[in-house]
Protein backbone atom coordinates (compact mmCIF):
# COMPACT_ATOMS: atom_id res chain seq x y z
CA MET A 1 147.01 393.37 278.61
CA ALA A 2 146.90 391.64 282.10
CA ASP A 3 144.59 391.82 285.21
CA SER A 4 145.31 391.60 289.12
CA THR A 5 145.01 387.55 288.36
CA SER A 6 147.86 387.20 285.86
CA ARG A 7 150.17 390.12 287.48
CA SER A 8 149.47 388.40 290.86
CA GLY A 9 151.23 384.90 289.17
CA GLY A 10 148.61 383.26 287.99
CA THR A 11 147.78 381.49 284.94
CA TYR A 12 145.29 380.83 282.05
CA SER A 13 147.54 378.22 280.77
CA THR A 14 146.04 374.33 280.87
CA PRO A 15 147.65 371.23 279.21
CA GLU A 16 144.49 371.60 276.16
CA VAL A 17 145.56 375.09 275.81
CA LEU A 18 149.38 374.70 275.33
CA ARG A 19 149.03 371.50 273.22
CA PHE A 20 147.12 373.30 271.06
CA LEU A 21 149.57 376.31 270.58
CA ASP A 22 152.40 374.37 270.61
CA GLY A 23 151.54 371.98 267.92
CA LEU A 24 150.42 375.47 266.07
CA HIS A 25 153.38 377.66 266.44
CA ALA A 26 156.32 375.13 267.33
CA PRO A 27 155.60 372.04 265.57
CA HIS A 28 158.28 369.55 265.86
CA ASP A 29 159.55 367.59 263.02
CA ALA A 30 161.39 363.87 263.34
CA GLY A 31 164.23 365.09 264.58
CA LEU A 32 163.02 367.40 267.49
CA SER A 33 160.68 364.53 268.43
CA ARG A 34 163.65 362.24 268.69
CA ALA A 35 165.18 364.39 271.19
CA PHE A 36 162.17 364.96 272.52
CA ASP A 37 160.79 361.97 273.71
CA ALA A 38 164.36 360.31 274.15
CA PRO A 39 164.19 360.80 278.11
CA SER A 40 160.95 358.05 278.84
CA LYS A 41 162.80 356.12 275.97
CA GLU A 42 166.21 356.10 277.31
CA GLY A 43 165.41 356.26 281.02
CA ILE A 44 167.00 359.77 280.85
CA PRO A 45 164.69 362.16 283.52
CA ALA A 46 162.42 364.33 281.73
CA ILE A 47 163.55 367.79 282.69
CA GLN A 48 164.31 369.46 278.57
CA LEU A 49 162.36 372.99 277.79
CA GLY A 50 159.27 372.70 277.29
CA VAL A 51 158.29 373.39 272.90
CA SER A 52 156.94 376.22 273.04
CA GLU A 53 159.89 377.77 275.69
CA SER A 54 162.54 375.75 273.12
CA ARG A 55 161.17 376.99 269.75
CA PHE A 56 161.50 381.14 271.97
CA LEU A 57 165.20 379.70 272.52
CA GLU A 58 166.07 379.13 269.01
CA TRP A 59 164.09 382.67 267.82
CA VAL A 60 166.47 384.38 270.30
CA THR A 61 169.06 382.86 269.04
CA ARG A 62 168.20 384.06 265.23
CA LEU A 63 167.49 387.37 265.98
CA THR A 64 170.57 387.94 267.87
CA ARG A 65 172.64 386.54 264.91
CA VAL A 66 174.39 384.20 266.92
CA GLU A 67 177.65 381.97 265.81
CA VAL A 68 179.19 380.91 268.67
CA ALA A 69 177.27 379.77 271.73
CA VAL A 70 177.79 377.67 274.42
CA GLU A 71 174.96 375.32 276.49
CA VAL A 72 175.67 374.12 280.28
CA GLY A 73 173.28 371.29 280.37
CA THR A 74 172.54 369.23 276.69
CA LEU A 75 170.49 366.44 278.63
CA ALA A 76 168.78 364.81 275.21
CA GLY A 77 169.98 367.59 272.90
CA TYR A 78 167.28 368.85 272.11
CA SER A 79 167.52 372.65 273.27
CA ALA A 80 170.76 371.91 271.99
CA ILE A 81 169.06 370.98 268.35
CA ARG A 82 166.78 374.06 268.76
CA ILE A 83 169.51 376.59 268.80
CA ALA A 84 171.74 375.13 266.59
CA ARG A 85 168.46 375.51 264.20
CA GLY A 86 168.74 379.00 264.51
CA MET A 87 172.35 379.33 264.09
CA PRO A 88 174.03 379.45 260.19
CA ARG A 89 175.16 376.78 258.94
CA VAL A 90 179.13 378.03 260.04
CA SER A 91 178.62 378.15 263.24
CA ARG A 92 179.80 376.67 266.51
CA LEU A 93 177.63 375.48 269.72
CA TYR A 94 179.03 373.49 272.61
CA THR A 95 177.12 371.61 274.67
CA ILE A 96 178.34 370.76 278.08
CA GLU A 97 176.92 367.36 279.82
CA HIS A 98 178.91 365.23 282.54
CA ASP A 99 176.47 362.10 282.43
CA PRO A 100 178.06 360.00 279.83
CA LYS A 101 174.98 358.27 278.53
CA HIS A 102 172.92 361.20 278.37
CA ALA A 103 175.91 362.80 276.26
CA ALA A 104 175.93 359.50 274.11
CA VAL A 105 171.94 359.66 273.80
CA ALA A 106 172.66 363.39 272.65
CA ARG A 107 174.72 363.21 269.86
CA ALA A 108 172.55 360.39 268.36
CA ASN A 109 169.68 363.29 268.65
CA ILE A 110 172.11 365.71 267.48
CA GLU A 111 173.22 363.86 264.42
CA ALA A 112 169.13 362.58 263.31
CA ALA A 113 168.03 366.19 263.20
CA GLU A 114 171.23 367.23 260.75
CA VAL A 115 172.92 369.37 263.04
CA SER A 116 175.99 367.58 263.92
CA ASP A 117 178.19 369.81 261.82
CA ARG A 118 177.95 372.84 264.02
CA VAL A 119 177.50 371.10 267.40
CA GLU A 120 180.10 369.55 269.74
CA VAL A 121 179.16 367.21 273.05
CA ILE A 122 181.48 367.73 275.16
CA GLU A 123 181.59 365.27 278.16
CA GLY A 124 182.52 366.49 281.87
CA ASP A 125 181.75 368.48 284.28
CA GLY A 126 180.23 371.84 283.44
CA VAL A 127 182.94 374.52 285.47
CA GLN A 128 185.67 372.44 284.67
CA VAL A 129 184.65 372.65 280.55
CA LEU A 130 183.97 376.18 280.86
CA GLY A 131 187.26 376.62 281.98
CA GLN A 132 189.06 374.76 279.25
CA LEU A 133 186.62 376.65 276.43
CA GLU A 134 187.61 380.59 277.50
CA ARG A 135 190.15 380.41 274.96
CA LEU A 136 187.78 380.08 272.56
CA GLY A 137 185.68 383.17 273.03
CA PRO A 138 183.96 385.59 273.49
CA PHE A 139 181.19 383.94 272.62
CA ASP A 140 177.57 385.33 271.45
CA LEU A 141 175.11 383.04 273.58
CA VAL A 142 175.15 381.33 276.99
CA PHE A 143 172.65 378.97 278.00
CA ILE A 144 172.33 377.25 281.34
CA ASP A 145 169.86 374.19 282.09
CA ALA A 146 172.15 372.33 284.60
CA ASP A 147 172.81 372.44 288.21
CA LYS A 148 171.35 374.89 289.57
CA GLU A 149 173.19 375.14 292.90
CA ARG A 150 176.66 376.64 290.72
CA TYR A 151 173.98 378.50 288.90
CA ASP A 152 175.79 381.91 290.61
CA GLN A 153 179.35 380.35 288.98
CA TYR A 154 178.02 379.76 285.39
CA GLY A 155 176.49 383.31 285.38
CA ARG A 156 180.04 384.62 286.38
CA TRP A 157 181.57 383.00 283.99
CA ALA A 158 178.96 384.03 281.27
CA GLN A 159 180.00 387.40 282.41
CA ARG A 160 183.59 387.15 281.54
CA ASN A 161 183.58 385.38 278.57
CA LEU A 162 180.18 386.83 276.10
CA ARG A 163 181.02 389.65 274.02
CA ARG A 164 179.29 392.93 274.79
CA GLY A 165 175.47 392.29 273.18
CA GLY A 166 175.98 388.66 274.00
CA LEU A 167 173.24 386.88 275.37
CA LEU A 168 172.65 384.66 278.67
CA VAL A 169 169.81 382.75 279.23
CA GLY A 170 168.74 380.99 281.97
CA ASP A 171 166.08 378.48 282.93
CA ASN A 172 164.25 377.59 285.99
CA VAL A 173 164.97 380.88 287.41
CA TYR A 174 162.08 380.45 289.41
CA PHE A 175 163.87 377.15 291.19
CA PHE A 176 160.83 375.50 291.04
CA GLY A 177 159.17 377.86 293.43
CA ARG A 178 161.85 377.82 296.30
CA LEU A 179 163.94 380.91 295.07
CA LEU A 180 163.34 382.78 298.47
CA GLU A 181 163.97 379.69 300.72
CA GLU A 182 166.75 379.26 303.07
CA SER A 183 168.89 376.98 301.67
CA PRO A 184 172.32 377.23 300.15
CA ALA A 185 171.09 376.25 296.29
CA ALA A 186 168.71 379.08 296.46
CA ALA A 187 170.86 381.39 297.75
CA ALA A 188 173.43 380.46 294.90
CA MET A 189 169.90 381.07 292.27
CA ARG A 190 169.09 384.52 294.03
CA ARG A 191 173.26 385.19 293.54
CA PHE A 192 172.37 383.94 289.73
CA HIS A 193 169.74 386.75 289.61
CA THR A 194 171.35 389.86 291.51
CA GLU A 195 175.04 389.42 289.57
CA ALA A 196 173.29 389.18 285.97
CA GLN A 197 171.27 392.02 286.93
CA ALA A 198 174.50 394.20 287.82
CA HIS A 199 176.35 393.30 284.37
CA PHE A 200 173.33 392.52 281.86
CA ASP A 201 170.42 394.56 281.31
CA THR A 202 167.91 392.03 282.26
CA CYS A 203 164.09 391.16 282.54
CA VAL A 204 162.94 387.69 283.96
CA VAL A 205 160.32 385.70 280.69
CA PRO A 206 157.11 384.09 282.79
CA THR A 207 157.63 380.53 281.16
CA PRO A 208 156.50 377.94 283.93
CA ASP A 209 159.53 377.93 285.88
CA GLY A 210 161.01 381.34 284.80
CA MET A 211 163.38 381.85 281.93
CA LEU A 212 166.03 385.19 282.66
CA LEU A 213 167.62 387.26 279.49
CA GLY A 214 170.57 389.31 279.49
CA ILE A 215 172.04 391.56 277.21
CA LYS A 216 175.89 391.99 278.26
CA ARG A 217 176.07 395.50 278.81
């Protein structure tokens, strides 16, 4: 059920409610805690997925039986660990990170979480690395959580390189509430939305900053 408040964008979540539900439904083990806490300990921006959003991504990965995936934006490896844990042991996740320090932290966290056998952290520019990965496709999942002004480019790559029925996931698609502003970055995010809708069956899950899911037609 939704009422007029929630339909118009209001929320009933509070920090206390979120902490209770995250701990109940998406508990961390040592590996996940290490990756989630890494930004504050390593001087990295704390911009990773939230606890429940990452658990949702893990379950979507499992339910759609993803075996070959790409992530754009590794940060400290938290979402990569969640994706990897939703995949079978004989599988491959290629995760792209442009910052060498972030990539090194992510590799250590992925190793500690015992999923390094199926995750490869690749350092480099997102668009350039994606071009190098094309030969390894088609892919089952593309998850985008990187520089917002190039979401349209990442989305086009996903459209070309996902298999039919493959899954596109993009985080921060409300663009921090700035989606409708007149700026080049907001325009790029709007193109990501409209171009995804043209090639995928899409919806936006109303997470705190919106998560787009698309199934390639």
